[in-house]
Amino acid sequence: MSWAGNKLKPLTAGCGERIITPPLGVDLCGYGFYLDRKAEQVRDDLKVRALALKTEDQALVLASCDLIGFTVDFSDSVRQAIGRQHNIPAKNILLACTHTHSGPAAQSLPGLGEVNEKYMQNVRRAIEEAVGQAFDQMKDADFIYAFEAVEPIGYNRRLKNFEGIDPTLKVAVFRQKSQKIYLLSYACHPVVLGPLKKVSADWPGAVISRIEKKGHRAVFFQGFSGDIDPVSQWNRWGAGTNEDLRLYGQLLSRRAFKAEKYAVKPSQNSLKAVETRMIIPLRIPSKNQIEKEAAEFAKSYAQFPGGSRFAEEWEEKALHALATFQSKPYLENVPLQAMAVGPLRFLGIPGEVFCGLGLKLQKKWPPLFPLGYANGSIGYIPTRRAFRDPSDYACTCAPKFYSLFPFTPEIEKILIRESDRLLACLKG
C-alpha cells in the first residue's frame, strides 16, 4: 500500500502495564464530602497501561491509569521524566485517567479523601515502568480503526434522558503477528459500583478484562463524560452490581470486536503531536457573595454527611484567597494536547468535559478520539448552556473543591477555539 507515491512508513507498537492497586485503608475518592470511605476490599486490581508507538522519525506514548484524576503538576512531572528516559518530547506523551470512583484519592480535593503520598510515589514509578515495558516489547504492527454506535450504557444525568450522549465506541487496533493491542474510548462515568468500600476499575476494567481473556491487550481512555452516568445509576443510584459490570464489559467488548470487522485501514502511519497551554477565566465573587453561597450550599447539601463542614471550610479558604484571585481571575497553565496516528486524531483535555463539547468537535474533526482527564484534571468543563441553571452541580458545586471558584461561561468558546487551532496543526 502506498501514500503520496511513498511506501507505508514502518510502524512498531508495544504495550506495558503495572498494577497500581492501593493498600487497604487508603481513602477512596468520590460520591460525597467527608464520607470516611476507606478501602476494605479489592474487587479487581487497578492498573496503569501504556501504548508506545514508533516510526522512523517519531514516537508517541498514550498511558491510562485506573484512577480518578491527577493534578497538572503531577502529570507534567511524570511526562517530563518519561520524555528524558526515552528521548522524546513531553508533548508526545499523554497521561490520562479512567476516572473510576472506586480508586484512591490521587489529587487533593477537599472533603473527597486524603492523598497517600507514598502510594502516589509508587504510582509514578509504575507509570514509568509500564512505559518502559511498552518500548521494550515493541514489534512491527499495522493498525485499523472503527467508530461503532453501540447500545448506550450511559445516560445524560443532567437531562435525565438519552439525549446529549455520545453513543460511539472508538476502537483502534494495532495488529502484530502474535497479538492485537486495542485502544478504546467511550464516554460514561465509571461509577457503577457506587460508594462501596471496594477497590475496582469499574466498567472500563470489565471491558479490558473481556478483551484480555481473548489473548489480546487493551488500553482504555475515558471520553468526554462530564454529564454522563451509567444507566444503572438512573434506575437505582449507588446500587450497581457485579452483574452490571459484567453486562457492560460484555457489551462493549463484543461491540469492539464487531467494529473491527468493518474497520478502516489507513494509507499512512505518520505520528504527530502538538500541545498548548490555555488560560481559563474564573468568575470571582465578592466577599458578601462568598458568605451567601456558603450559607446556601450548607442548606442545599444539609442531607449529605459533611455538607455543612465542607461549606464552612470552603468559605474560609475562599475568603483567604479572594484578594489573590481578584488580581489574577483565571486558571493558567492548562494543557491541551492533540495527537495523530495517520488520519486518526486524539484530543486530550484535563477535565470532566461535557459530552456536548465532544460531539461538536467530533463533527468538525473526524475521525476523533476525545480523551478526558488527560494530563491532569481541573474539574468540570460544562457547555455554555449549562451555566443557565444557577443550581447546576458542575457549574457551581464542583468548582468549590477543584479551583475554589467556577469557570465563566466563556470556557466553551475558549476550548472549542483552542481545540480547533491545535487539531488544525495536525493536518498535512
Protein backbone atom coordinates (compact mmCIF):
# COMPACT_ATOMS: atom_id res chain seq x y z
CA MET A 1 0.00 0.00 0.00
CA SER A 2 1.31 3.47 -0.76
CA TRP A 3 0.51 7.04 0.09
CA ALA A 4 1.52 10.06 -2.00
CA GLY A 5 3.75 7.77 -4.04
CA ASN A 6 5.73 6.57 -0.99
CA LYS A 7 5.76 3.26 0.80
CA LEU A 8 3.85 3.00 4.05
CA LYS A 9 6.13 4.01 6.92
CA PRO A 10 7.04 1.08 9.18
CA LEU A 11 5.20 1.25 12.49
CA THR A 12 6.09 -0.53 15.71
CA ALA A 13 3.86 -0.80 18.77
CA GLY A 14 4.27 -2.06 22.30
CA CYS A 15 2.08 -2.36 25.37
CA GLY A 16 3.11 -2.34 29.02
CA GLU A 17 1.29 -2.46 32.32
CA ARG A 18 1.79 -2.38 36.06
CA ILE A 19 -0.59 -2.98 38.97
CA ILE A 20 -1.38 0.15 40.99
CA THR A 21 -3.87 -1.33 43.45
CA PRO A 22 -3.62 0.67 46.70
CA PRO A 23 -3.17 -0.81 50.17
CA LEU A 24 -6.31 -1.34 52.19
CA GLY A 25 -7.17 1.56 54.43
CA VAL A 26 -6.48 4.36 51.94
CA ASP A 27 -9.20 6.91 51.25
CA LEU A 28 -11.32 6.21 48.19
CA CYS A 29 -12.41 9.24 46.18
CA GLY A 30 -15.87 10.37 45.09
CA TYR A 31 -19.58 10.34 45.93
CA GLY A 32 -19.71 12.91 48.72
CA PHE A 33 -17.95 15.01 51.33
CA TYR A 34 -16.13 13.54 54.32
CA LEU A 35 -17.56 10.06 53.94
CA ASP A 36 -14.53 8.40 55.58
CA ARG A 37 -14.72 5.91 52.71
CA LYS A 38 -11.64 3.74 53.17
CA ALA A 39 -10.74 0.70 51.08
CA GLU A 40 -11.76 -2.50 52.85
CA GLN A 41 -11.65 -4.94 49.94
CA VAL A 42 -10.18 -5.33 46.45
CA ARG A 43 -12.73 -6.42 43.88
CA ASP A 44 -10.28 -6.17 40.96
CA ASP A 45 -6.81 -4.72 40.52
CA LEU A 46 -6.20 -1.19 39.32
CA LYS A 47 -3.58 -0.88 36.59
CA VAL A 48 -1.64 1.58 34.52
CA ARG A 49 -1.48 0.55 30.88
CA ALA A 50 0.70 2.19 28.27
CA LEU A 51 0.78 2.06 24.48
CA ALA A 52 4.00 3.12 22.76
CA LEU A 53 4.08 3.78 19.01
CA LYS A 54 7.12 4.49 16.88
CA THR A 55 8.04 5.22 13.28
CA GLU A 56 11.50 6.01 11.92
CA ASP A 57 11.21 9.66 12.96
CA GLN A 58 8.55 9.95 15.71
CA ALA A 59 7.31 8.24 18.86
CA LEU A 60 4.09 8.60 20.85
CA VAL A 61 3.07 7.32 24.27
CA LEU A 62 -0.53 7.03 25.45
CA ALA A 63 -0.86 5.85 29.06
CA SER A 64 -4.02 5.36 31.11
CA CYS A 65 -4.40 4.80 34.86
CA ASP A 66 -7.35 3.32 36.72
CA LEU A 67 -7.58 6.38 38.96
CA ILE A 68 -9.95 9.32 39.35
CA GLY A 69 -7.53 12.00 38.14
CA PHE A 70 -4.16 13.72 38.58
CA THR A 71 -3.06 17.29 39.06
CA VAL A 72 -1.48 19.03 36.08
CA ASP A 73 1.76 19.38 38.04
CA PHE A 74 1.94 15.64 38.74
CA SER A 75 1.21 14.80 35.11
CA ASP A 76 3.76 17.31 33.84
CA SER A 77 6.44 15.88 36.12
CA VAL A 78 5.78 12.28 35.04
CA ARG A 79 5.60 13.15 31.34
CA GLN A 80 8.85 15.09 31.51
CA ALA A 81 10.59 12.19 33.29
CA ILE A 82 9.37 9.71 30.67
CA GLY A 83 10.49 12.08 27.93
CA ARG A 84 14.01 12.21 29.36
CA GLN A 85 14.14 8.44 29.78
CA HIS A 86 13.14 7.73 26.18
CA ASN A 87 14.45 10.84 24.43
CA ILE A 88 11.07 12.09 23.22
CA PRO A 89 9.38 15.45 23.87
CA ALA A 90 6.78 15.63 26.64
CA LYS A 91 4.18 16.82 24.11
CA ASN A 92 4.38 13.33 22.57
CA ILE A 93 3.32 11.73 25.86
CA LEU A 94 -0.29 11.62 27.00
CA LEU A 95 -1.15 10.54 30.55
CA ALA A 96 -4.82 10.05 31.38
CA CYS A 97 -7.09 8.51 34.00
CA THR A 98 -10.19 6.39 33.52
CA HIS A 99 -11.87 8.29 36.40
CA THR A 100 -13.00 5.29 38.42
CA HIS A 101 -14.64 6.38 41.69
CA SER A 102 -13.64 3.07 43.26
CA GLY A 103 -9.99 4.03 43.44
CA PRO A 104 -7.89 6.06 45.88
CA ALA A 105 -7.65 9.82 46.08
CA ALA A 106 -4.91 10.82 43.63
CA GLN A 107 -5.16 14.61 43.80
CA SER A 108 -6.09 16.87 46.68
CA LEU A 109 -9.85 17.50 46.54
CA PRO A 110 -11.12 18.85 49.89
CA GLY A 111 -13.61 16.54 51.55
CA LEU A 112 -13.10 13.77 49.00
CA GLY A 113 -10.31 11.80 50.63
CA GLU A 114 -6.72 12.34 51.68
CA VAL A 115 -3.95 11.59 49.19
CA ASN A 116 -1.45 8.94 50.31
CA GLU A 117 1.86 10.42 49.14
CA LYS A 118 3.78 7.14 49.41
CA TYR A 119 1.18 5.48 47.20
CA MET A 120 1.47 8.28 44.64
CA GLN A 121 5.23 7.78 44.52
CA ASN A 122 4.54 4.14 43.70
CA VAL A 123 2.07 5.19 41.01
CA ARG A 124 4.66 7.44 39.42
CA ARG A 125 7.19 4.63 39.36
CA ALA A 126 4.61 2.20 37.96
CA ILE A 127 3.73 4.57 35.10
CA GLU A 128 7.38 4.93 34.14
CA GLU A 129 7.89 1.16 34.30
CA ALA A 130 4.79 0.46 32.19
CA VAL A 131 6.00 2.87 29.52
CA GLY A 132 9.46 1.28 29.64
CA GLN A 133 7.92 -2.15 29.17
CA ALA A 134 5.89 -0.86 26.22
CA PHE A 135 9.07 0.31 24.48
CA ASP A 136 10.89 -2.92 25.34
CA GLN A 137 8.10 -5.02 23.81
CA MET A 138 7.80 -3.11 20.54
CA LYS A 139 7.11 -5.16 17.43
CA ASP A 140 6.05 -4.41 13.88
CA ALA A 141 2.39 -3.55 13.60
CA ASP A 142 -0.25 -2.21 11.30
CA PHE A 143 -3.36 -0.50 12.54
CA ILE A 144 -7.02 -0.15 11.76
CA TYR A 145 -9.76 1.91 13.37
CA ALA A 146 -13.54 1.95 13.63
CA PHE A 147 -16.27 4.06 15.22
CA GLU A 148 -19.22 1.88 16.20
CA ALA A 149 -22.54 3.15 17.54
CA VAL A 150 -23.47 0.92 20.47
CA GLU A 151 -26.39 0.37 22.79
CA PRO A 152 -25.78 3.07 25.39
CA ILE A 153 -24.59 2.10 28.84
CA GLY A 154 -24.84 5.75 29.91
CA TYR A 155 -27.46 8.50 30.04
CA ASN A 156 -27.32 12.28 30.42
CA ARG A 157 -27.65 12.73 34.18
CA ARG A 158 -28.50 16.44 33.88
CA LEU A 159 -31.28 15.98 31.33
CA LYS A 160 -32.42 12.58 32.66
CA ASN A 161 -32.61 11.12 29.16
CA PHE A 162 -30.51 9.69 26.34
CA GLU A 163 -30.12 13.00 24.52
CA GLY A 164 -26.73 14.62 24.52
CA ILE A 165 -24.81 11.38 24.93
CA ASP A 166 -22.05 10.07 22.68
CA PRO A 167 -23.20 6.63 21.50
CA THR A 168 -19.96 5.85 19.68
CA LEU A 169 -17.34 3.37 20.82
CA LYS A 170 -13.97 4.38 19.38
CA VAL A 171 -11.67 1.48 18.52
CA ALA A 172 -8.12 1.39 17.17
CA VAL A 173 -6.39 -1.96 16.77
CA PHE A 174 -2.65 -2.36 16.42
CA ARG A 175 -2.14 -5.76 14.86
CA GLN A 176 1.02 -7.77 15.37
CA LYS A 177 1.89 -11.35 14.47
CA SER A 178 1.41 -12.67 17.99
CA GLN A 179 -1.26 -10.36 19.41
CA LYS A 180 -3.50 -7.36 19.00
CA ILE A 181 -3.45 -4.19 21.07
CA TYR A 182 -6.83 -2.48 21.34
CA LEU A 183 -7.09 1.22 22.12
CA LEU A 184 -10.61 2.09 23.21
CA SER A 185 -12.54 5.21 24.19
CA TYR A 186 -16.14 5.60 25.34
CA ALA A 187 -17.88 8.31 27.36
CA CYS A 188 -19.54 7.27 30.62
CA HIS A 189 -18.64 7.91 34.26
CA PRO A 190 -17.15 4.79 35.93
CA VAL A 191 -19.48 4.89 38.94
CA VAL A 192 -21.39 1.63 38.55
CA LEU A 193 -20.48 0.26 41.96
CA GLY A 194 -21.49 3.37 43.89
CA PRO A 195 -19.96 4.32 47.25
CA LEU A 196 -18.92 0.83 48.29
CA LYS A 197 -15.61 0.44 50.10
CA LYS A 198 -14.23 -1.80 47.38
CA VAL A 199 -11.34 -1.07 45.03
CA SER A 200 -12.30 -1.54 41.39
CA ALA A 201 -11.55 -0.29 37.89
CA ASP A 202 -15.35 -0.28 37.42
CA TRP A 203 -16.78 -0.85 33.93
CA PRO A 204 -13.65 0.11 31.91
CA GLY A 205 -11.80 -2.62 33.78
CA ALA A 206 -14.57 -5.08 32.93
CA VAL A 207 -14.23 -4.26 29.22
CA ILE A 208 -10.46 -4.74 29.22
CA SER A 209 -10.79 -7.99 31.18
CA ARG A 210 -13.07 -9.45 28.48
CA ILE A 211 -10.60 -8.49 25.74
CA GLU A 212 -7.66 -9.93 27.67
CA LYS A 213 -9.48 -13.23 28.05
CA LYS A 214 -9.29 -13.49 24.25
CA GLY A 215 -5.49 -13.28 24.48
CA HIS A 216 -5.18 -9.62 23.45
CA ARG A 217 -4.07 -6.40 25.16
CA ALA A 218 -6.13 -3.26 25.63
CA VAL A 219 -5.78 0.32 26.84
CA PHE A 220 -8.92 2.29 27.73
CA PHE A 221 -9.38 6.07 27.73
CA GLN A 222 -12.38 7.83 29.18
CA GLY A 223 -14.27 10.03 26.73
CA PHE A 224 -15.90 13.39 27.42
CA SER A 225 -18.28 12.12 30.08
CA GLY A 226 -18.74 15.05 32.46
CA ASP A 227 -22.54 14.78 32.35
CA ILE A 228 -22.89 11.07 31.52
CA ASP A 229 -23.62 8.37 34.14
CA PRO A 230 -24.28 4.62 33.80
CA VAL A 231 -27.90 3.63 33.26
CA SER A 232 -27.67 1.57 36.44
CA GLN A 233 -27.38 4.86 38.35
CA TRP A 234 -30.54 6.18 36.72
CA ASN A 235 -32.52 3.16 37.86
CA ARG A 236 -31.14 2.88 41.40
CA TRP A 237 -28.44 5.36 42.39
CA GLY A 238 -25.46 3.76 44.06
CA ALA A 239 -26.86 0.24 43.73
CA GLY A 240 -24.88 -1.08 40.77
CA THR A 241 -23.75 -4.70 40.98
CA ASN A 242 -21.13 -7.10 39.68
CA GLU A 243 -23.77 -8.25 37.21
CA ASP A 244 -23.97 -4.71 35.80
CA LEU A 245 -20.19 -4.64 35.37
CA ARG A 246 -20.23 -7.98 33.57
CA LEU A 247 -23.05 -6.77 31.29
CA TYR A 248 -21.23 -3.57 30.34
CA GLY A 249 -17.93 -5.38 29.89
CA GLN A 250 -19.52 -7.99 27.68
CA LEU A 251 -21.50 -5.49 25.60
CA LEU A 252 -18.65 -3.10 24.83
CA SER A 253 -16.02 -5.78 24.24
CA ARG A 254 -18.32 -7.56 21.80
CA ARG A 255 -19.02 -4.31 20.02
CA ALA A 256 -15.29 -3.63 19.80
CA PHE A 257 -14.74 -7.00 18.13
CA LYS A 258 -17.67 -6.37 15.79
CA ALA A 259 -16.37 -2.91 14.88
CA GLU A 260 -13.03 -4.44 13.96
CA LYS A 261 -14.68 -6.35 11.11
CA TYR A 262 -15.67 -3.07 9.46
CA ALA A 263 -12.57 -1.08 10.35
CA VAL A 264 -10.68 1.33 8.11
CA LYS A 265 -7.10 0.52 7.20
CA PRO A 266 -5.30 3.87 6.79
CA SER A 267 -2.91 4.53 3.94
CA GLN A 268 -0.38 6.26 6.24
CA ASN A 269 1.26 5.58 9.62
CA SER A 270 2.73 9.00 10.38
CA LEU A 271 2.80 10.09 14.04
CA LYS A 272 2.31 13.68 15.20
CA ALA A 273 1.77 15.54 18.45
CA VAL A 274 1.16 19.15 19.45
CA GLU A 275 0.38 20.83 22.74
CA THR A 276 -0.54 24.27 24.02
CA ARG A 277 -1.32 25.84 27.38
CA MET A 278 -4.58 27.68 27.97
CA ILE A 279 -5.71 30.39 30.36
CA ILE A 280 -9.26 29.79 31.62
CA PRO A 281 -11.15 32.75 33.18
CA LEU A 282 -12.83 32.32 36.57
CA ARG A 283 -15.89 34.05 37.98
CA ILE A 284 -14.69 35.66 41.21
CA PRO A 285 -17.46 36.54 43.70
CA SER A 286 -17.38 39.34 46.25
CA LYS A 287 -16.93 38.77 49.99
CA ASN A 288 -20.70 39.04 50.51
CA GLN A 289 -21.37 36.61 47.69
CA ILE A 290 -18.97 34.07 49.18
CA GLU A 291 -20.72 34.23 52.52
CA LYS A 292 -24.12 33.93 50.86
CA GLU A 293 -23.00 30.99 48.68
CA ALA A 294 -21.59 29.16 51.68
CA ALA A 295 -24.87 29.50 53.57
CA GLU A 296 -26.91 28.36 50.57
CA PHE A 297 -24.55 25.44 49.98
CA ALA A 298 -24.85 24.27 53.59
CA LYS A 299 -28.64 24.41 53.30
CA SER A 300 -28.79 22.67 49.90
CA TYR A 301 -26.46 19.85 50.97
CA ALA A 302 -27.69 19.50 54.56
CA GLN A 303 -28.85 15.95 53.87
CA PHE A 304 -25.34 14.88 52.89
CA PRO A 305 -22.85 13.90 55.59
CA GLY A 306 -20.17 16.54 55.78
CA GLY A 307 -22.04 19.07 53.63
CA SER A 308 -22.08 21.80 56.28
CA ARG A 309 -18.46 21.16 57.20
CA PHE A 310 -17.42 21.46 53.58
CA ALA A 311 -19.33 24.75 53.23
CA GLU A 312 -17.62 26.24 56.26
CA GLU A 313 -14.16 25.20 55.10
CA TRP A 314 -14.76 26.42 51.56
CA GLU A 315 -15.91 29.81 52.85
CA GLU A 316 -12.75 30.18 54.93
CA LYS A 317 -10.45 29.22 52.02
CA ALA A 318 -12.34 31.35 49.51
CA LEU A 319 -12.18 34.46 51.69
CA HIS A 320 -8.49 33.90 52.35
CA ALA A 321 -7.74 33.53 48.62
CA LEU A 322 -10.09 36.25 47.40
CA ALA A 323 -7.53 39.04 47.01
CA THR A 324 -5.16 36.79 45.06
CA PHE A 325 -7.86 35.68 42.64
CA GLN A 326 -9.17 39.21 42.20
CA SER A 327 -5.76 40.24 40.88
CA LYS A 328 -5.46 37.08 38.74
CA PRO A 329 -9.04 35.92 37.95
CA TYR A 330 -8.06 32.91 35.89
CA LEU A 331 -6.56 29.44 35.89
CA GLU A 332 -3.35 29.25 33.90
CA ASN A 333 -1.06 26.53 32.54
CA VAL A 334 -3.98 24.32 31.45
CA PRO A 335 -2.65 21.75 28.95
CA LEU A 336 -4.43 20.94 25.71
CA GLN A 337 -2.90 18.17 23.61
CA ALA A 338 -3.59 16.68 20.19
CA MET A 339 -2.05 13.64 18.55
CA ALA A 340 -2.42 11.89 15.23
CA VAL A 341 -1.74 8.34 14.11
CA GLY A 342 -2.17 8.55 10.37
CA PRO A 343 -5.57 10.18 9.82
CA LEU A 344 -6.78 9.28 13.32
CA ARG A 345 -6.81 12.22 15.74
CA PHE A 346 -6.73 12.27 19.55
CA LEU A 347 -7.65 15.28 21.68
CA GLY A 348 -6.66 15.26 25.35
CA ILE A 349 -8.34 17.68 27.76
CA PRO A 350 -7.60 17.76 31.51
CA GLY A 351 -11.06 17.60 32.98
CA GLU A 352 -14.62 16.36 33.11
CA VAL A 353 -15.68 17.69 29.74
CA PHE A 354 -19.40 17.76 28.99
CA CYS A 355 -20.33 15.35 26.23
CA GLY A 356 -21.85 18.05 24.02
CA LEU A 357 -18.47 19.68 23.52
CA GLY A 358 -17.06 16.39 22.32
CA LEU A 359 -19.91 15.90 19.88
CA LYS A 360 -19.26 19.33 18.35
CA LEU A 361 -15.56 18.64 17.92
CA GLN A 362 -16.09 15.15 16.51
CA LYS A 363 -18.46 16.51 13.89
CA LYS A 364 -15.85 19.03 12.76
CA TRP A 365 -12.73 16.87 13.06
CA PRO A 366 -13.50 13.24 12.15
CA PRO A 367 -12.14 10.75 12.97
CA LEU A 368 -11.52 11.98 16.53
CA PHE A 369 -10.92 10.21 19.84
CA PRO A 370 -11.88 12.65 22.66
CA LEU A 371 -9.81 11.76 25.76
CA GLY A 372 -10.91 13.20 29.09
CA TYR A 373 -8.87 13.50 32.30
CA ALA A 374 -5.77 13.83 30.14
CA ASN A 375 -2.57 15.34 31.58
CA GLY A 376 -4.38 16.42 34.74
CA SER A 377 -7.86 17.28 35.90
CA ILE A 378 -9.01 20.87 36.52
CA GLY A 379 -12.65 19.95 37.16
CA TYR A 380 -15.86 20.02 35.17
CA ILE A 381 -15.86 21.78 31.81
CA PRO A 382 -19.55 22.50 31.09
CA THR A 383 -21.22 23.77 27.96
CA ARG A 384 -22.28 27.41 27.88
CA ARG A 385 -25.90 26.28 28.06
CA ALA A 386 -25.31 24.52 31.39
CA PHE A 387 -24.47 27.84 33.05
CA ARG A 388 -28.08 28.97 32.56
CA ASP A 389 -29.03 26.77 35.51
CA PRO A 390 -27.79 28.53 38.68
CA SER A 391 -28.06 25.27 40.63
CA ASP A 392 -26.11 23.10 38.18
CA TYR A 393 -23.72 20.90 40.16
CA ALA A 394 -20.88 21.04 37.63
CA CYS A 395 -21.07 24.82 37.28
CA THR A 396 -21.49 25.79 40.95
CA CYS A 397 -20.72 22.98 43.41
CA ALA A 398 -17.82 21.03 41.92
CA PRO A 399 -15.61 24.10 41.35
CA LYS A 400 -15.54 24.59 45.12
CA PHE A 401 -13.34 21.51 45.55
CA TYR A 402 -11.36 21.91 42.32
CA SER A 403 -10.33 25.56 41.93
CA LEU A 404 -12.42 27.29 44.67
CA PHE A 405 -14.21 29.45 42.09
CA PRO A 406 -16.19 28.49 38.96
CA PHE A 407 -15.24 28.96 35.35
CA THR A 408 -17.07 31.57 33.32
CA PRO A 409 -19.47 30.51 30.52
CA GLU A 410 -16.72 31.55 28.09
CA ILE A 411 -14.96 28.24 28.75
CA GLU A 412 -16.84 26.51 25.92
CA LYS A 413 -15.81 29.17 23.39
CA ILE A 414 -12.19 29.07 24.55
CA LEU A 415 -12.00 25.28 24.49
CA ILE A 416 -13.53 24.95 21.03
CA ARG A 417 -11.32 27.71 19.62
CA GLU A 418 -8.10 26.30 21.04
CA SER A 419 -9.01 22.73 20.08
CA ASP A 420 -9.74 23.83 16.51
CA ARG A 421 -6.39 25.59 16.36
CA LEU A 422 -4.49 22.62 17.72
CA LEU A 423 -6.21 19.99 15.60
CA ALA A 424 -5.58 22.10 12.50
CA CYS A 425 -1.85 21.78 13.25
CA LEU A 426 -2.09 18.03 12.65
CA LYS A 427 -3.08 18.49 9.02
CA GLY A 428 -0.65 17.85 6.22
